[in-house]
Amino acid sequence: MNLLGKQFQSKKMLVHQPIPGYWYTNIVGQLLQVRVVLHEGRREKRIVLENINGRRQTVDLDGWYRLDLTLHSPGIERRRRKSSESTERRS
């Protein structure tokens, strides 16, 4: 399922969905963490970001895709997989 509007699909940009707890890097190397994704109904409406110094900013979904961020924390996903594997072994 592709949640991006046609304007973003046509630009062939590498875009990431905002995932709470994940860290992203912008084009100048600044780290930003997605703290909260706010929804209105079933649609993502706003994203609360926090930089490494604790300063927070809120952007709408269009603003999120204009930030040109790169996923920085794939280690979270590895830890989740390891914890689910260890839970399965105990069962």
Protein backbone atom coordinates (compact mmCIF):
# COMPACT_ATOMS: atom_id res chain seq x y z
CA MET A 1 0.00 0.00 0.00
CA ASN A 2 1.47 3.35 -1.02
CA LEU A 3 0.29 6.22 1.16
CA LEU A 4 2.10 8.91 -0.80
CA GLY A 5 0.24 11.39 -2.93
CA LYS A 6 0.79 11.44 -6.68
CA GLN A 7 2.98 14.56 -6.40
CA PHE A 8 5.55 12.60 -4.34
CA GLN A 9 5.30 9.41 -6.41
CA SER A 10 6.13 11.25 -9.63
CA LYS A 11 9.33 12.81 -8.23
CA LYS A 12 10.95 9.40 -7.62
CA MET A 13 12.18 10.56 -4.22
CA LEU A 14 13.46 8.13 -1.63
CA VAL A 15 10.95 8.65 1.16
CA HIS A 16 10.49 6.97 4.50
CA GLN A 17 7.34 6.68 6.51
CA PRO A 18 7.57 8.37 9.92
CA ILE A 19 8.04 5.64 12.55
CA PRO A 20 7.92 6.70 16.22
CA GLY A 21 11.21 5.97 17.99
CA TYR A 22 13.27 5.83 14.80
CA TRP A 23 16.12 8.23 14.10
CA TYR A 24 16.58 9.95 10.75
CA THR A 25 19.39 12.10 9.33
CA ASN A 26 18.73 15.23 7.28
CA ILE A 27 20.93 16.50 4.43
CA VAL A 28 23.26 18.40 6.79
CA GLY A 29 23.73 15.38 9.06
CA GLN A 30 21.47 16.47 11.90
CA LEU A 31 19.79 13.61 13.76
CA LEU A 32 16.03 13.79 14.24
CA GLN A 33 13.86 11.29 16.09
CA VAL A 34 10.18 10.80 15.39
CA ARG A 35 8.56 11.17 18.79
CA VAL A 36 4.86 11.02 17.87
CA VAL A 37 2.74 10.62 14.74
CA LEU A 38 -0.58 12.37 15.22
CA HIS A 39 -3.58 11.01 13.34
CA GLU A 40 -6.89 12.51 12.35
CA GLY A 41 -9.19 9.60 11.73
CA ARG A 42 -7.09 7.02 9.90
CA ARG A 43 -4.79 9.53 8.23
CA GLU A 44 -1.44 10.73 9.50
CA LYS A 45 -1.74 14.45 10.07
CA ARG A 46 1.33 15.77 11.92
CA ILE A 47 4.70 14.45 13.04
CA VAL A 48 6.52 15.57 16.20
CA LEU A 49 10.29 15.48 15.72
CA GLU A 50 13.03 15.92 18.32
CA ASN A 51 16.66 16.67 17.58
CA ILE A 52 19.63 15.38 19.56
CA ASN A 53 19.54 18.46 21.84
CA GLY A 54 15.91 17.85 22.80
CA ARG A 55 14.39 20.63 20.71
CA ARG A 56 11.04 19.61 19.26
CA GLN A 57 9.29 20.69 16.11
CA THR A 58 6.03 19.69 14.50
CA VAL A 59 5.59 19.25 10.76
CA ASP A 60 2.62 18.27 8.66
CA LEU A 61 2.82 15.24 6.38
CA ASP A 62 3.83 17.30 3.33
CA GLY A 63 6.58 18.94 5.41
CA TRP A 64 7.82 15.49 6.48
CA TYR A 65 8.39 14.44 2.88
CA ARG A 66 10.12 17.74 2.05
CA LEU A 67 12.70 17.20 4.82
CA ASP A 68 14.56 14.66 2.64
CA LEU A 69 15.50 12.39 5.55
CA THR A 70 17.47 9.15 5.56
CA LEU A 71 16.71 6.35 8.01
CA HIS A 72 19.47 6.28 10.59
CA SER A 73 18.41 3.60 13.09
CA PRO A 74 17.92 0.19 11.51
CA GLY A 75 19.30 -1.30 14.75
CA ILE A 76 15.88 -0.90 16.36
CA GLU A 77 14.41 -3.33 13.86
CA ARG A 78 17.19 -5.86 14.52
CA ARG A 79 16.57 -5.64 18.27
CA ARG A 80 12.84 -6.19 17.75
CA ARG A 81 13.51 -9.30 15.66
CA LYS A 82 15.95 -10.68 18.24
CA SER A 83 13.48 -10.17 21.08
CA SER A 84 10.68 -11.87 19.13
CA GLU A 85 12.99 -14.80 18.28
CA SER A 86 13.98 -15.23 21.91
CA THR A 87 10.30 -15.14 22.93
CA GLU A 88 9.52 -17.87 20.38
CA ARG A 89 12.36 -20.06 21.71
CA ARG A 90 11.03 -19.84 25.25
CA SER A 91 7.58 -21.01 24.11
